[in-house]
Protein backbone atom coordinates (compact mmCIF):
# COMPACT_ATOMS: atom_id res chain seq x y z
CA MET A 1 22.04 -7.68 58.85
CA ALA A 2 21.16 -11.35 58.92
CA GLY A 3 17.93 -12.25 57.17
CA SER A 4 17.69 -9.00 55.21
CA ASP A 5 17.64 -8.85 51.41
CA PRO A 6 20.91 -7.81 49.78
CA VAL A 7 21.03 -4.34 48.24
CA ILE A 8 22.37 -4.33 44.68
CA GLN A 9 24.20 -1.11 43.91
CA GLY A 10 24.34 0.56 40.49
CA THR A 11 21.65 -1.48 38.72
CA SER A 12 18.25 -0.56 37.36
CA ALA A 13 15.46 -2.41 35.67
CA PRO A 14 15.75 -2.39 31.86
CA GLN A 15 13.34 -0.02 30.18
CA ALA A 16 10.81 -1.40 27.73
CA PRO A 17 11.19 0.01 24.20
CA ASP A 18 8.74 2.56 22.86
CA THR A 19 6.16 1.15 20.46
CA VAL A 20 4.76 3.19 17.59
CA LYS A 21 1.74 2.37 15.44
CA ILE A 22 2.29 3.03 11.74
CA LEU A 23 -0.17 2.61 8.87
CA ILE A 24 0.85 1.33 5.45
CA ALA A 25 -1.80 2.76 3.16
CA GLY A 26 -2.52 3.30 -0.51
CA GLY A 27 -4.72 2.24 -3.35
CA PHE A 28 -5.72 -1.20 -4.52
CA GLY A 29 -2.79 -3.37 -5.58
CA VAL A 30 0.06 -0.93 -4.85
CA GLY A 31 2.07 -3.41 -2.75
CA LYS A 32 1.00 -2.80 0.86
CA THR A 33 0.77 -6.49 1.80
CA THR A 34 4.11 -7.13 0.10
CA MET A 35 5.78 -4.29 2.02
CA VAL A 36 4.51 -5.43 5.42
CA GLY A 37 5.59 -9.00 4.67
CA SER A 38 9.03 -7.94 3.42
CA VAL A 39 9.99 -5.83 6.41
CA SER A 40 8.24 -7.64 9.28
CA GLU A 41 10.43 -9.59 11.70
CA ILE A 42 7.48 -11.82 12.61
CA VAL A 43 5.25 -13.88 10.37
CA PRO A 44 2.77 -11.21 9.27
CA LEU A 45 -0.93 -11.49 9.91
CA ARG A 46 -2.78 -11.30 6.61
CA THR A 47 -6.49 -11.20 5.83
CA GLU A 48 -6.40 -11.91 2.13
CA GLU A 49 -9.17 -13.41 0.05
CA SER A 50 -9.09 -14.56 -3.55
CA LEU A 51 -10.57 -12.24 -6.13
CA THR A 52 -13.70 -13.75 -7.65
CA SER A 53 -16.25 -12.93 -10.32
CA ALA A 54 -18.28 -11.14 -7.62
CA GLY A 55 -15.77 -8.30 -7.81
CA LEU A 56 -16.21 -7.73 -11.54
CA GLY A 57 -17.19 -4.13 -12.14
CA VAL A 58 -16.25 -3.28 -8.54
CA ASP A 59 -12.52 -4.00 -8.25
CA ASP A 60 -10.45 -2.05 -10.77
CA LEU A 61 -7.74 -4.36 -12.10
CA ASN A 62 -6.58 -1.91 -14.75
CA GLY A 63 -2.78 -2.10 -14.80
CA ILE A 64 -2.64 -5.07 -12.40
CA PRO A 65 -4.22 -7.98 -14.33
CA GLU A 66 -1.98 -10.47 -12.51
CA LYS A 67 -3.50 -9.70 -9.08
CA ARG A 68 -5.28 -12.74 -7.64
CA ALA A 69 -5.98 -11.82 -3.98
CA THR A 70 -6.83 -8.76 -1.92
CA THR A 71 -6.70 -7.61 1.70
CA VAL A 72 -10.19 -7.45 3.18
CA ALA A 73 -9.36 -6.25 6.71
CA LEU A 74 -5.73 -5.52 7.50
CA ASP A 75 -2.14 -6.72 7.42
CA PHE A 76 -0.08 -6.66 10.59
CA GLY A 77 3.66 -6.88 11.11
CA ARG A 78 6.39 -5.69 13.47
CA ILE A 79 9.90 -4.36 13.05
CA THR A 80 12.45 -3.39 15.68
CA LEU A 81 14.38 -0.32 14.54
CA SER A 82 16.52 -0.11 17.68
CA GLN A 83 16.62 -1.29 21.28
CA LYS A 84 14.43 1.70 22.11
CA LEU A 85 11.92 1.63 19.25
CA ILE A 86 9.55 -0.97 17.83
CA LEU A 87 7.12 -0.26 15.01
CA TYR A 88 3.76 -1.99 14.72
CA LEU A 89 2.72 -1.94 11.08
CA PHE A 90 -0.92 -2.00 10.00
CA GLY A 91 -1.60 -2.37 6.30
CA THR A 92 -4.93 -0.93 5.21
CA PRO A 93 -7.30 -2.48 2.66
CA GLY A 94 -7.07 -0.73 -0.68
CA GLN A 95 -10.48 -1.29 -2.21
CA GLN A 96 -13.02 1.49 -1.81
CA ARG A 97 -15.65 -0.86 -0.37
CA PHE A 98 -13.35 -1.47 2.64
CA TRP A 99 -12.32 2.14 3.27
CA PHE A 100 -14.72 2.37 6.21
CA MET A 101 -12.09 0.43 8.20
CA TRP A 102 -9.48 3.15 7.82
CA ASN A 103 -10.95 5.31 10.59
CA ASP A 104 -10.62 2.49 13.12
CA LEU A 105 -7.13 1.53 11.94
CA ALA A 106 -6.00 5.17 12.25
CA ILE A 107 -6.82 5.33 15.96
CA GLY A 108 -3.53 5.69 17.83
CA ALA A 109 -1.40 5.84 14.67
CA LEU A 110 1.44 8.36 14.82
CA GLY A 111 2.21 8.32 11.11
CA ALA A 112 1.76 6.57 7.79
CA VAL A 113 3.47 5.43 4.63
CA VAL A 114 1.38 6.13 1.53
CA LEU A 115 2.54 3.59 -1.03
CA ILE A 116 1.93 4.54 -4.65
CA ASP A 117 2.19 2.98 -8.10
CA VAL A 118 3.09 5.57 -10.74
CA ARG A 119 1.24 3.50 -13.35
CA ARG A 120 -1.98 4.29 -11.46
CA LEU A 121 -1.20 7.53 -9.64
CA GLU A 122 -4.87 8.40 -9.14
CA SER A 123 -5.28 5.42 -6.79
CA SER A 124 -3.16 7.25 -4.18
CA PHE A 125 -5.26 10.42 -3.95
CA ALA A 126 -7.75 9.10 -1.39
CA ALA A 127 -5.00 7.95 1.00
CA ILE A 128 -3.16 11.28 0.79
CA ASP A 129 -6.40 13.19 1.42
CA PHE A 130 -7.23 10.91 4.36
CA PHE A 131 -4.01 11.68 6.25
CA GLU A 132 -3.92 15.36 5.32
CA ARG A 133 -7.45 15.90 6.66
CA ARG A 134 -6.55 14.19 9.94
CA ASP A 135 -3.19 15.95 10.28
CA ILE A 136 -1.37 12.60 10.48
CA PRO A 137 2.24 12.90 9.23
CA PHE A 138 3.11 10.69 6.29
CA VAL A 139 5.77 9.94 3.72
CA VAL A 140 5.21 8.71 0.19
CA GLY A 141 6.85 5.47 -0.90
CA VAL A 142 7.04 5.01 -4.67
CA ASN A 143 6.92 1.27 -5.26
CA GLY A 144 9.01 0.44 -8.31
CA PHE A 145 7.33 -2.57 -9.85
CA HIS A 146 9.88 -4.84 -11.55
CA GLY A 147 12.58 -2.55 -10.14
CA LYS A 148 11.68 0.34 -12.45
CA HIS A 149 11.46 4.01 -11.42
CA PRO A 150 10.65 6.09 -14.51
CA TYR A 151 10.13 9.34 -12.56
CA ASP A 152 12.22 11.12 -9.95
CA PRO A 153 10.80 12.17 -6.55
CA ASP A 154 10.38 15.84 -7.47
CA GLU A 155 8.29 14.96 -10.53
CA ILE A 156 6.08 12.72 -8.41
CA ARG A 157 5.72 15.36 -5.67
CA ASP A 158 4.57 17.89 -8.27
CA SER A 159 2.10 15.44 -9.82
CA LEU A 160 0.58 14.74 -6.40
CA ALA A 161 0.60 18.45 -5.42
CA LEU A 162 2.38 17.59 -2.18
CA PRO A 163 3.87 20.22 0.13
CA GLU A 164 7.60 20.74 -0.34
CA GLY A 165 8.44 19.15 3.02
CA THR A 166 6.67 15.84 2.33
CA PRO A 167 9.31 13.12 1.81
CA VAL A 168 8.95 11.12 -1.42
CA LEU A 169 11.13 8.01 -1.51
CA LEU A 170 11.76 5.51 -4.28
CA CYS A 171 11.49 1.95 -2.97
CA ASP A 172 10.84 -1.68 -3.78
CA ALA A 173 8.14 -3.29 -1.63
CA ARG A 174 9.81 -6.69 -2.14
CA ASP A 175 13.09 -5.58 -0.58
CA ARG A 176 13.47 -5.46 3.21
CA GLU A 177 16.22 -2.83 3.32
CA SER A 178 14.38 -0.58 0.91
CA CYS A 179 11.19 -0.76 3.02
CA ARG A 180 13.18 -0.20 6.21
CA ASP A 181 14.66 3.00 4.75
CA VAL A 182 11.14 4.30 4.08
CA LEU A 183 10.12 3.60 7.67
CA ILE A 184 13.22 5.34 9.02
CA ALA A 185 12.39 8.37 6.86
CA LEU A 186 8.92 8.38 8.39
CA ILE A 187 10.34 8.30 11.93
CA ASP A 188 12.60 11.23 11.02
CA GLN A 189 9.53 13.06 9.73
CA LEU A 190 7.64 12.36 12.96
CA ILE A 191 10.51 13.74 15.03
CA VAL A 192 10.61 16.94 12.94
CA THR A 193 6.82 17.34 13.13
CA SER A 194 6.82 16.78 16.88
CA ALA A 195 9.54 19.39 17.37
CA GLN A 196 7.64 21.89 15.22
CA ASN A 197 4.41 21.30 17.12
CA ASN A 198 6.13 21.70 20.47
CA GLY A 199 7.83 24.84 19.25
CA ASN A 200 4.45 26.28 18.34
CA GLY A 201 3.05 25.51 21.75
CA ARG A 202 0.89 22.67 20.49
CA ARG A 203 0.46 19.44 22.41
CA SER A 204 1.62 16.39 20.49
CA ARG A 205 2.21 12.73 21.10
CA SER A 206 5.93 12.06 21.31
CA LEU A 207 7.84 9.01 20.15
């Protein structure tokens, strides 16, 4: 009919990809900012400040004497895993005096990567407790500083008293592919957790 709009057969509007909020957490100086920067496809947002004498006696530099700056709010990056899935990455501050921000950063997060340094394993306890108490699924990424991994995943899992099903992955926060593999493992963990929750009749947020 003249003047009418043409009807296009067999086409549909493209669907927007799902977006998932992920936290990159851990203790002071374990490599969170490095990981977000390595894997992000955009220039990451960083809120770093130089360490000064004001932090003496407050910031524990034991084992990381070369550290010169610290995250005081958050790191933010983004990675597209597929045409259907984009991850928004939020790196948490590691120092205890900034832990009050974790509750706000955790709002809407589906999962987390707890990054650890085996030279200072105790610095990871607070992050693990945080996500366990809130029932937020997480995987553990073991950042091998200088490319070294002196312990295997099972030894680390035992030392952290983690449940058998918690993935522990060796990684290098400086390497994009290594960090991407950790994030993929987390997504796999979220899918398994979601299926288990649904199977138990529990409501859960899906990917």
